[in-house]
Amino acid sequence: MATGLSVEGYAEAEATEVGKLINALDTAKTKEEAEAVIMEHSVNVEAKVAATDAEVKSRGDQPFLVQQLKEQRITTDVKLEIQRAEKAVRTACE
């Protein structure tokens, strides 16, 4: 969702964007023009997705929100417990 917009503002922005796309498709006279409009819209959407992904990745850890990436190893006893549970499920399903 766009930064700083309320839900209503976001809905209005989406409606405006959809209206522009529909208008552009309505004014296209040939199949090639319609394809060009669709491709342009596709490129714009992909650019927005890439920008959002870059913003999310650039934030990294947020310790003030206690949101830190933490990689943990599964201990041997937990692995064995998982394997026993898998075997029990397999046996029960046979």
PDB file of N, CA and C in Angstrom:
ATOM      1  N   MET A   1       0.846  -1.164   0.000  1.00  0.00           N
ATOM      2  CA  MET A   1       0.000   0.000   0.000  1.00  0.00           C
ATOM      3  C   MET A   1       0.895   1.232   0.000  1.00  0.00           C
ATOM      4  N   ALA A   2       0.466   2.250  -0.695  1.00  0.00           N
ATOM      5  CA  ALA A   2       1.253   3.464  -0.812  1.00  0.00           C
ATOM      6  C   ALA A   2       1.449   4.100   0.560  1.00  0.00           C
ATOM      7  N   THR A   3       2.636   4.626   0.762  1.00  0.00           N
ATOM      8  CA  THR A   3       2.971   5.217   2.047  1.00  0.00           C
ATOM      9  C   THR A   3       2.143   6.470   2.293  1.00  0.00           C
ATOM     10  N   GLY A   4       1.599   6.583   3.479  1.00  0.00           N
ATOM     11  CA  GLY A   4       0.900   7.790   3.875  1.00  0.00           C
ATOM     12  C   GLY A   4      -0.552   7.876   3.445  1.00  0.00           C
ATOM     13  N   LEU A   5      -1.055   6.896   2.746  1.00  0.00           N
ATOM     14  CA  LEU A   5      -2.448   6.940   2.311  1.00  0.00           C
ATOM     15  C   LEU A   5      -3.326   6.164   3.280  1.00  0.00           C
ATOM     16  N   SER A   6      -4.514   6.683   3.484  1.00  0.00           N
ATOM     17  CA  SER A   6      -5.494   5.934   4.259  1.00  0.00           C
ATOM     18  C   SER A   6      -6.067   4.849   3.362  1.00  0.00           C
ATOM     19  N   VAL A   7      -6.868   3.988   3.932  1.00  0.00           N
ATOM     20  CA  VAL A   7      -7.497   2.934   3.136  1.00  0.00           C
ATOM     21  C   VAL A   7      -8.375   3.558   2.058  1.00  0.00           C
ATOM     22  N   GLU A   8      -9.116   4.612   2.439  1.00  0.00           N
ATOM     23  CA  GLU A   8      -9.977   5.279   1.464  1.00  0.00           C
ATOM     24  C   GLU A   8      -9.145   5.951   0.377  1.00  0.00           C
ATOM     25  N   GLY A   9      -8.048   6.587   0.779  1.00  0.00           N
ATOM     26  CA  GLY A   9      -7.161   7.236  -0.189  1.00  0.00           C
ATOM     27  C   GLY A   9      -6.552   6.234  -1.144  1.00  0.00           C
ATOM     28  N   TYR A  10      -6.169   5.089  -0.595  1.00  0.00           N
ATOM     29  CA  TYR A  10      -5.604   4.033  -1.427  1.00  0.00           C
ATOM     30  C   TYR A  10      -6.645   3.524  -2.417  1.00  0.00           C
ATOM     31  N   ALA A  11      -7.875   3.338  -1.961  1.00  0.00           N
ATOM     32  CA  ALA A  11      -8.951   2.866  -2.842  1.00  0.00           C
ATOM     33  C   ALA A  11      -9.220   3.879  -3.947  1.00  0.00           C
ATOM     34  N   GLU A  12      -9.201   5.164  -3.607  1.00  0.00           N
ATOM     35  CA  GLU A  12      -9.410   6.198  -4.618  1.00  0.00           C
ATOM     36  C   GLU A  12      -8.275   6.211  -5.637  1.00  0.00           C
ATOM     37  N   ALA A  13      -7.038   6.062  -5.159  1.00  0.00           N
ATOM     38  CA  ALA A  13      -5.887   6.034  -6.065  1.00  0.00           C
ATOM     39  C   ALA A  13      -5.977   4.835  -7.005  1.00  0.00           C
ATOM     40  N   GLU A  14      -6.375   3.689  -6.470  1.00  0.00           N
ATOM     41  CA  GLU A  14      -6.541   2.494  -7.303  1.00  0.00           C
ATOM     42  C   GLU A  14      -7.647   2.698  -8.333  1.00  0.00           C
ATOM     43  N   ALA A  15      -8.765   3.294  -7.913  1.00  0.00           N
ATOM     44  CA  ALA A  15      -9.876   3.535  -8.834  1.00  0.00           C
ATOM     45  C   ALA A  15      -9.450   4.485  -9.949  1.00  0.00           C
ATOM     46  N   THR A  16      -8.673   5.497  -9.610  1.00  0.00           N
ATOM     47  CA  THR A  16      -8.173   6.437 -10.614  1.00  0.00           C
ATOM     48  C   THR A  16      -7.263   5.726 -11.604  1.00  0.00           C
ATOM     49  N   GLU A  17      -6.370   4.892 -11.085  1.00  0.00           N
ATOM     50  CA  GLU A  17      -5.441   4.162 -11.951  1.00  0.00           C
ATOM     51  C   GLU A  17      -6.188   3.202 -12.875  1.00  0.00           C
ATOM     52  N   VAL A  18      -7.169   2.504 -12.345  1.00  0.00           N
ATOM     53  CA  VAL A  18      -7.972   1.585 -13.158  1.00  0.00           C
ATOM     54  C   VAL A  18      -8.744   2.363 -14.212  1.00  0.00           C
ATOM     55  N   GLY A  19      -9.276   3.523 -13.836  1.00  0.00           N
ATOM     56  CA  GLY A  19      -9.996   4.361 -14.791  1.00  0.00           C
ATOM     57  C   GLY A  19      -9.113   4.796 -15.948  1.00  0.00           C
ATOM     58  N   LYS A  20      -7.869   5.169 -15.638  1.00  0.00           N
ATOM     59  CA  LYS A  20      -6.927   5.559 -16.695  1.00  0.00           C
ATOM     60  C   LYS A  20      -6.640   4.381 -17.623  1.00  0.00           C
ATOM     61  N   LEU A  21      -6.465   3.196 -17.049  1.00  0.00           N
ATOM     62  CA  LEU A  21      -6.188   2.009 -17.858  1.00  0.00           C
ATOM     63  C   LEU A  21      -7.370   1.692 -18.764  1.00  0.00           C
ATOM     64  N   ILE A  22      -8.565   1.727 -18.223  1.00  0.00           N
ATOM     65  CA  ILE A  22      -9.762   1.437 -19.027  1.00  0.00           C
ATOM     66  C   ILE A  22      -9.916   2.463 -20.138  1.00  0.00           C
ATOM     67  N   ASN A  23      -9.686   3.738 -19.815  1.00  0.00           N
ATOM     68  CA  ASN A  23      -9.783   4.791 -20.820  1.00  0.00           C
ATOM     69  C   ASN A  23      -8.756   4.576 -21.928  1.00  0.00           C
ATOM     70  N   ALA A  24      -7.534   4.237 -21.551  1.00  0.00           N
ATOM     71  CA  ALA A  24      -6.488   3.998 -22.549  1.00  0.00           C
ATOM     72  C   ALA A  24      -6.843   2.803 -23.427  1.00  0.00           C
ATOM     73  N   LEU A  25      -7.407   1.755 -22.826  1.00  0.00           N
ATOM     74  CA  LEU A  25      -7.808   0.587 -23.619  1.00  0.00           C
ATOM     75  C   LEU A  25      -8.985   0.918 -24.533  1.00  0.00           C
ATOM     76  N   ASP A  26      -9.904   1.763 -24.060  1.00  0.00           N
ATOM     77  CA  ASP A  26     -11.049   2.159 -24.887  1.00  0.00           C
ATOM     78  C   ASP A  26     -10.619   2.990 -26.088  1.00  0.00           C
ATOM     79  N   THR A  27      -9.586   3.799 -25.925  1.00  0.00           N
ATOM     80  CA  THR A  27      -9.144   4.660 -27.025  1.00  0.00           C
ATOM     81  C   THR A  27      -8.230   3.935 -28.002  1.00  0.00           C
ATOM     82  N   ALA A  28      -7.728   2.766 -27.622  1.00  0.00           N
ATOM     83  CA  ALA A  28      -6.880   1.992 -28.538  1.00  0.00           C
ATOM     84  C   ALA A  28      -7.728   1.514 -29.712  1.00  0.00           C
ATOM     85  N   LYS A  29      -7.226   1.778 -30.923  1.00  0.00           N
ATOM     86  CA  LYS A  29      -7.997   1.451 -32.122  1.00  0.00           C
ATOM     87  C   LYS A  29      -7.606   0.104 -32.732  1.00  0.00           C
ATOM     88  N   THR A  30      -6.397  -0.328 -32.458  1.00  0.00           N
ATOM     89  CA  THR A  30      -5.946  -1.595 -33.029  1.00  0.00           C
ATOM     90  C   THR A  30      -5.494  -2.530 -31.908  1.00  0.00           C
ATOM     91  N   LYS A  31      -5.325  -3.777 -32.297  1.00  0.00           N
ATOM     92  CA  LYS A  31      -4.853  -4.771 -31.328  1.00  0.00           C
ATOM     93  C   LYS A  31      -3.460  -4.397 -30.822  1.00  0.00           C
ATOM     94  N   GLU A  32      -2.625  -3.865 -31.713  1.00  0.00           N
ATOM     95  CA  GLU A  32      -1.263  -3.491 -31.336  1.00  0.00           C
ATOM     96  C   GLU A  32      -1.268  -2.359 -30.307  1.00  0.00           C
ATOM     97  N   GLU A  33      -2.170  -1.381 -30.503  1.00  0.00           N
ATOM     98  CA  GLU A  33      -2.269  -0.285 -29.539  1.00  0.00           C
ATOM     99  C   GLU A  33      -2.729  -0.807 -28.176  1.00  0.00           C
ATOM    100  N   ALA A  34      -3.681  -1.722 -28.178  1.00  0.00           N
ATOM    101  CA  ALA A  34      -4.157  -2.308 -26.925  1.00  0.00           C
ATOM    102  C   ALA A  34      -3.038  -3.080 -26.241  1.00  0.00           C
ATOM    103  N   GLU A  35      -2.270  -3.837 -27.018  1.00  0.00           N
ATOM    104  CA  GLU A  35      -1.134  -4.582 -26.456  1.00  0.00           C
ATOM    105  C   GLU A  35      -0.107  -3.625 -25.868  1.00  0.00           C
ATOM    106  N   ALA A  36       0.124  -2.493 -26.535  1.00  0.00           N
ATOM    107  CA  ALA A  36       1.084  -1.506 -26.034  1.00  0.00           C
ATOM    108  C   ALA A  36       0.610  -0.919 -24.706  1.00  0.00           C
ATOM    109  N   VAL A  37      -0.688  -0.648 -24.601  1.00  0.00           N
ATOM    110  CA  VAL A  37      -1.249  -0.125 -23.348  1.00  0.00           C
ATOM    111  C   VAL A  37      -1.074  -1.150 -22.235  1.00  0.00           C
ATOM    112  N   ILE A  38      -1.359  -2.402 -22.530  1.00  0.00           N
ATOM    113  CA  ILE A  38      -1.233  -3.467 -21.531  1.00  0.00           C
ATOM    114  C   ILE A  38       0.224  -3.629 -21.104  1.00  0.00           C
ATOM    115  N   MET A  39       1.139  -3.594 -22.072  1.00  0.00           N
ATOM    116  CA  MET A  39       2.562  -3.731 -21.748  1.00  0.00           C
ATOM    117  C   MET A  39       3.042  -2.565 -20.879  1.00  0.00           C
ATOM    118  N   GLU A  40       2.601  -1.352 -21.216  1.00  0.00           N
ATOM    119  CA  GLU A  40       2.991  -0.181 -20.427  1.00  0.00           C
ATOM    120  C   GLU A  40       2.480  -0.313 -18.993  1.00  0.00           C
ATOM    121  N   HIS A  41       1.251  -0.755 -18.846  1.00  0.00           N
ATOM    122  CA  HIS A  41       0.679  -0.948 -17.507  1.00  0.00           C
ATOM    123  C   HIS A  41       1.450  -2.033 -16.753  1.00  0.00           C
ATOM    124  N   SER A  42       1.788  -3.099 -17.452  1.00  0.00           N
ATOM    125  CA  SER A  42       2.541  -4.192 -16.842  1.00  0.00           C
ATOM    126  C   SER A  42       3.896  -3.705 -16.339  1.00  0.00           C
ATOM    127  N   VAL A  43       4.570  -2.903 -17.146  1.00  0.00           N
ATOM    128  CA  VAL A  43       5.876  -2.366 -16.752  1.00  0.00           C
ATOM    129  C   VAL A  43       5.730  -1.481 -15.514  1.00  0.00           C
ATOM    130  N   ASN A  44       4.675  -0.664 -15.481  1.00  0.00           N
ATOM    131  CA  ASN A  44       4.443   0.206 -14.321  1.00  0.00           C
ATOM    132  C   ASN A  44       4.191  -0.612 -13.055  1.00  0.00           C
ATOM    133  N   VAL A  45       3.394  -1.666 -13.173  1.00  0.00           N
ATOM    134  CA  VAL A  45       3.101  -2.515 -12.014  1.00  0.00           C
ATOM    135  C   VAL A  45       4.371  -3.209 -11.534  1.00  0.00           C
ATOM    136  N   GLU A  46       5.162  -3.730 -12.468  1.00  0.00           N
ATOM    137  CA  GLU A  46       6.408  -4.404 -12.092  1.00  0.00           C
ATOM    138  C   GLU A  46       7.369  -3.438 -11.410  1.00  0.00           C
ATOM    139  N   ALA A  47       7.403  -2.192 -11.877  1.00  0.00           N
ATOM    140  CA  ALA A  47       8.272  -1.190 -11.252  1.00  0.00           C
ATOM    141  C   ALA A  47       7.820  -0.900  -9.825  1.00  0.00           C
ATOM    142  N   LYS A  48       6.508  -0.827  -9.604  1.00  0.00           N
ATOM    143  CA  LYS A  48       5.993  -0.589  -8.255  1.00  0.00           C
ATOM    144  C   LYS A  48       6.327  -1.755  -7.331  1.00  0.00           C
ATOM    145  N   VAL A  49       6.196  -2.969  -7.846  1.00  0.00           N
ATOM    146  CA  VAL A  49       6.513  -4.156  -7.043  1.00  0.00           C
ATOM    147  C   VAL A  49       7.994  -4.164  -6.682  1.00  0.00           C
ATOM    148  N   ALA A  50       8.850  -3.848  -7.658  1.00  0.00           N
ATOM    149  CA  ALA A  50      10.291  -3.817  -7.403  1.00  0.00           C
ATOM    150  C   ALA A  50      10.637  -2.744  -6.374  1.00  0.00           C
ATOM    151  N   ALA A  51       9.988  -1.590  -6.465  1.00  0.00           N
ATOM    152  CA  ALA A  51      10.244  -0.516  -5.501  1.00  0.00           C
ATOM    153  C   ALA A  51       9.810  -0.925  -4.101  1.00  0.00           C
ATOM    154  N   THR A  52       8.671  -1.586  -3.999  1.00  0.00           N
ATOM    155  CA  THR A  52       8.189  -2.047  -2.696  1.00  0.00           C
ATOM    156  C   THR A  52       9.130  -3.093  -2.117  1.00  0.00           C
ATOM    157  N   ASP A  53       9.568  -4.036  -2.959  1.00  0.00           N
ATOM    158  CA  ASP A  53      10.507  -5.059  -2.495  1.00  0.00           C
ATOM    159  C   ASP A  53      11.806  -4.430  -2.007  1.00  0.00           C
ATOM    160  N   ALA A  54      12.312  -3.446  -2.752  1.00  0.00           N
ATOM    161  CA  ALA A  54      13.554  -2.782  -2.359  1.00  0.00           C
ATOM    162  C   ALA A  54      13.385  -2.045  -1.035  1.00  0.00           C
ATOM    163  N   GLU A  55      12.233  -1.421  -0.844  1.00  0.00           N
ATOM    164  CA  GLU A  55      11.978  -0.703   0.408  1.00  0.00           C
ATOM    165  C   GLU A  55      11.933  -1.668   1.584  1.00  0.00           C
ATOM    166  N   VAL A  56      11.262  -2.793   1.393  1.00  0.00           N
ATOM    167  CA  VAL A  56      11.161  -3.781   2.468  1.00  0.00           C
ATOM    168  C   VAL A  56      12.534  -4.345   2.797  1.00  0.00           C
ATOM    169  N   LYS A  57      13.327  -4.665   1.776  1.00  0.00           N
ATOM    170  CA  LYS A  57      14.657  -5.233   2.011  1.00  0.00           C
ATOM    171  C   LYS A  57      15.594  -4.224   2.662  1.00  0.00           C
ATOM    172  N   SER A  58      15.423  -2.937   2.344  1.00  0.00           N
ATOM    173  CA  SER A  58      16.322  -1.925   2.889  1.00  0.00           C
ATOM    174  C   SER A  58      16.068  -1.662   4.370  1.00  0.00           C
ATOM    175  N   ARG A  59      14.913  -2.032   4.853  1.00  0.00           N
ATOM    176  CA  ARG A  59      14.590  -1.787   6.262  1.00  0.00           C
ATOM    177  C   ARG A  59      15.397  -2.682   7.186  1.00  0.00           C
ATOM    178  N   GLY A  60      15.651  -3.906   6.753  1.00  0.00           N
ATOM    179  CA  GLY A  60      16.446  -4.819   7.560  1.00  0.00           C
ATOM    180  C   GLY A  60      15.817  -5.099   8.908  1.00  0.00           C
ATOM    181  N   ASP A  61      16.670  -5.306   9.905  1.00  0.00           N
ATOM    182  CA  ASP A  61      16.188  -5.575  11.255  1.00  0.00           C
ATOM    183  C   ASP A  61      15.594  -4.308  11.855  1.00  0.00           C
ATOM    184  N   GLN A  62      14.590  -4.481  12.645  1.00  0.00           N
ATOM    185  CA  GLN A  62      13.961  -3.360  13.327  1.00  0.00           C
ATOM    186  C   GLN A  62      13.928  -3.675  14.817  1.00  0.00           C
ATOM    187  N   PRO A  63      15.063  -3.471  15.501  1.00  0.00           N
ATOM    188  CA  PRO A  63      15.141  -3.875  16.903  1.00  0.00           C
ATOM    189  C   PRO A  63      14.128  -3.170  17.796  1.00  0.00           C
ATOM    190  N   PHE A  64      13.737  -1.948  17.446  1.00  0.00           N
ATOM    191  CA  PHE A  64      12.769  -1.253  18.282  1.00  0.00           C
ATOM    192  C   PHE A  64      11.404  -1.915  18.233  1.00  0.00           C
ATOM    193  N   LEU A  65      11.162  -2.752  17.215  1.00  0.00           N
ATOM    194  CA  LEU A  65       9.920  -3.507  17.136  1.00  0.00           C
ATOM    195  C   LEU A  65      10.130  -4.971  17.504  1.00  0.00           C
ATOM    196  N   VAL A  66      11.317  -5.290  17.952  1.00  0.00           N
ATOM    197  CA  VAL A  66      11.720  -6.644  18.295  1.00  0.00           C
ATOM    198  C   VAL A  66      11.462  -7.578  17.114  1.00  0.00           C
ATOM    199  N   GLN A  67      11.834  -7.103  15.930  1.00  0.00           N
ATOM    200  CA  GLN A  67      11.701  -7.920  14.728  1.00  0.00           C
ATOM    201  C   GLN A  67      13.094  -8.109  14.140  1.00  0.00           C
ATOM    202  N   GLN A  68      13.762  -9.132  14.564  1.00  0.00           N
ATOM    203  CA  GLN A  68      15.098  -9.401  14.085  1.00  0.00           C
ATOM    204  C   GLN A  68      15.139 -10.789  13.474  1.00  0.00           C
ATOM    205  N   LEU A  69      15.850 -10.882  12.359  1.00  0.00           N
ATOM    206  CA  LEU A  69      16.022 -12.175  11.720  1.00  0.00           C
ATOM    207  C   LEU A  69      16.958 -13.001  12.585  1.00  0.00           C
ATOM    208  N   LYS A  70      16.504 -14.172  12.953  1.00  0.00           N
ATOM    209  CA  LYS A  70      17.311 -15.021  13.810  1.00  0.00           C
ATOM    210  C   LYS A  70      17.311 -16.420  13.223  1.00  0.00           C
ATOM    211  N   GLU A  71      18.499 -16.860  12.812  1.00  0.00           N
ATOM    212  CA  GLU A  71      18.611 -18.214  12.279  1.00  0.00           C
ATOM    213  C   GLU A  71      18.968 -19.140  13.430  1.00  0.00           C
ATOM    214  N   GLN A  72      18.249 -20.248  13.496  1.00  0.00           N
ATOM    215  CA  GLN A  72      18.490 -21.196  14.567  1.00  0.00           C
ATOM    216  C   GLN A  72      18.672 -22.584  13.978  1.00  0.00           C
ATOM    217  N   ARG A  73      19.491 -23.353  14.635  1.00  0.00           N
ATOM    218  CA  ARG A  73      19.677 -24.742  14.226  1.00  0.00           C
ATOM    219  C   ARG A  73      18.692 -25.620  14.969  1.00  0.00           C
ATOM    220  N   ILE A  74      18.254 -26.647  14.275  1.00  0.00           N
ATOM    221  CA  ILE A  74      17.380 -27.622  14.922  1.00  0.00           C
ATOM    222  C   ILE A  74      18.291 -28.622  15.622  1.00  0.00           C
ATOM    223  N   THR A  75      18.084 -28.793  16.900  1.00  0.00           N
ATOM    224  CA  THR A  75      18.946 -29.691  17.665  1.00  0.00           C
ATOM    225  C   THR A  75      18.663 -31.141  17.288  1.00  0.00           C
ATOM    226  N   THR A  76      19.608 -32.010  17.601  1.00  0.00           N
ATOM    227  CA  THR A  76      19.507 -33.424  17.246  1.00  0.00           C
ATOM    228  C   THR A  76      18.289 -34.079  17.870  1.00  0.00           C
ATOM    229  N   ASP A  77      18.012 -33.777  19.132  1.00  0.00           N
ATOM    230  CA  ASP A  77      16.864 -34.417  19.778  1.00  0.00           C
ATOM    231  C   ASP A  77      15.547 -33.983  19.137  1.00  0.00           C
ATOM    232  N   VAL A  78      15.473 -32.745  18.675  1.00  0.00           N
ATOM    233  CA  VAL A  78      14.258 -32.288  17.993  1.00  0.00           C
ATOM    234  C   VAL A  78      14.138 -32.973  16.635  1.00  0.00           C
ATOM    235  N   LYS A  79      15.271 -33.114  15.928  1.00  0.00           N
ATOM    236  CA  LYS A  79      15.256 -33.815  14.637  1.00  0.00           C
ATOM    237  C   LYS A  79      14.765 -35.251  14.807  1.00  0.00           C
ATOM    238  N   LEU A  80      15.270 -35.928  15.838  1.00  0.00           N
ATOM    239  CA  LEU A  80      14.855 -37.308  16.086  1.00  0.00           C
ATOM    240  C   LEU A  80      13.373 -37.379  16.426  1.00  0.00           C
ATOM    241  N   GLU A  81      12.887 -36.420  17.195  1.00  0.00           N
ATOM    242  CA  GLU A  81      11.471 -36.389  17.549  1.00  0.00           C
ATOM    243  C   GLU A  81      10.610 -36.191  16.297  1.00  0.00           C
ATOM    244  N   ILE A  82      11.064 -35.328  15.401  1.00  0.00           N
ATOM    245  CA  ILE A  82      10.337 -35.102  14.141  1.00  0.00           C
ATOM    246  C   ILE A  82      10.325 -36.376  13.306  1.00  0.00           C
ATOM    247  N   GLN A  83      11.475 -37.054  13.233  1.00  0.00           N
ATOM    248  CA  GLN A  83      11.545 -38.297  12.460  1.00  0.00           C
ATOM    249  C   GLN A  83      10.628 -39.364  13.046  1.00  0.00           C
ATOM    250  N   ARG A  84      10.585 -39.466  14.371  1.00  0.00           N
ATOM    251  CA  ARG A  84       9.694 -40.439  15.004  1.00  0.00           C
ATOM    252  C   ARG A  84       8.234 -40.107  14.711  1.00  0.00           C
ATOM    253  N   ALA A  85       7.902 -38.827  14.737  1.00  0.00           N
ATOM    254  CA  ALA A  85       6.527 -38.413  14.445  1.00  0.00           C
ATOM    255  C   ALA A  85       6.173 -38.725  12.991  1.00  0.00           C
ATOM    256  N   GLU A  86       7.119 -38.474  12.068  1.00  0.00           N
ATOM    257  CA  GLU A  86       6.879 -38.804  10.656  1.00  0.00           C
ATOM    258  C   GLU A  86       6.635 -40.299  10.485  1.00  0.00           C
ATOM    259  N   LYS A  87       7.450 -41.114  11.160  1.00  0.00           N
ATOM    260  CA  LYS A  87       7.308 -42.562  11.060  1.00  0.00           C
ATOM    261  C   LYS A  87       5.965 -43.011  11.635  1.00  0.00           C
ATOM    262  N   ALA A  88       5.559 -42.420  12.747  1.00  0.00           N
ATOM    263  CA  ALA A  88       4.277 -42.779  13.360  1.00  0.00           C
ATOM    264  C   ALA A  88       3.119 -42.419  12.436  1.00  0.00           C
ATOM    265  N   VAL A  89       3.209 -41.275  11.778  1.00  0.00           N
ATOM    266  CA  VAL A  89       2.147 -40.865  10.850  1.00  0.00           C
ATOM    267  C   VAL A  89       2.110 -41.804   9.656  1.00  0.00           C
ATOM    268  N   ARG A  90       3.287 -42.130   9.118  1.00  0.00           N
ATOM    269  CA  ARG A  90       3.355 -43.057   7.982  1.00  0.00           C
ATOM    270  C   ARG A  90       2.748 -44.409   8.342  1.00  0.00           C
ATOM    271  N   THR A  91       3.088 -44.917   9.524  1.00  0.00           N
ATOM    272  CA  THR A  91       2.575 -46.206   9.975  1.00  0.00           C
ATOM    273  C   THR A  91       1.062 -46.147  10.166  1.00  0.00           C
ATOM    274  N   ALA A  92       0.575 -45.075  10.736  1.00  0.00           N
ATOM    275  CA  ALA A  92      -0.864 -44.936  10.975  1.00  0.00           C
ATOM    276  C   ALA A  92      -1.640 -44.811   9.671  1.00  0.00           C
ATOM    277  N   CYS A  93      -1.019 -44.249   8.653  1.00  0.00           N
ATOM    278  CA  CYS A  93      -1.717 -44.038   7.373  1.00  0.00           C
ATOM    279  C   CYS A  93      -1.686 -45.266   6.472  1.00  0.00           C
ATOM    280  N   GLU A  94      -0.874 -46.248   6.797  1.00  0.00           N
ATOM    281  CA  GLU A  94      -0.781 -47.442   5.942  1.00  0.00           C
ATOM    282  C   GLU A  94      -1.919 -48.383   6.158  1.00  0.00           C
TER     283      GLU A  94
END
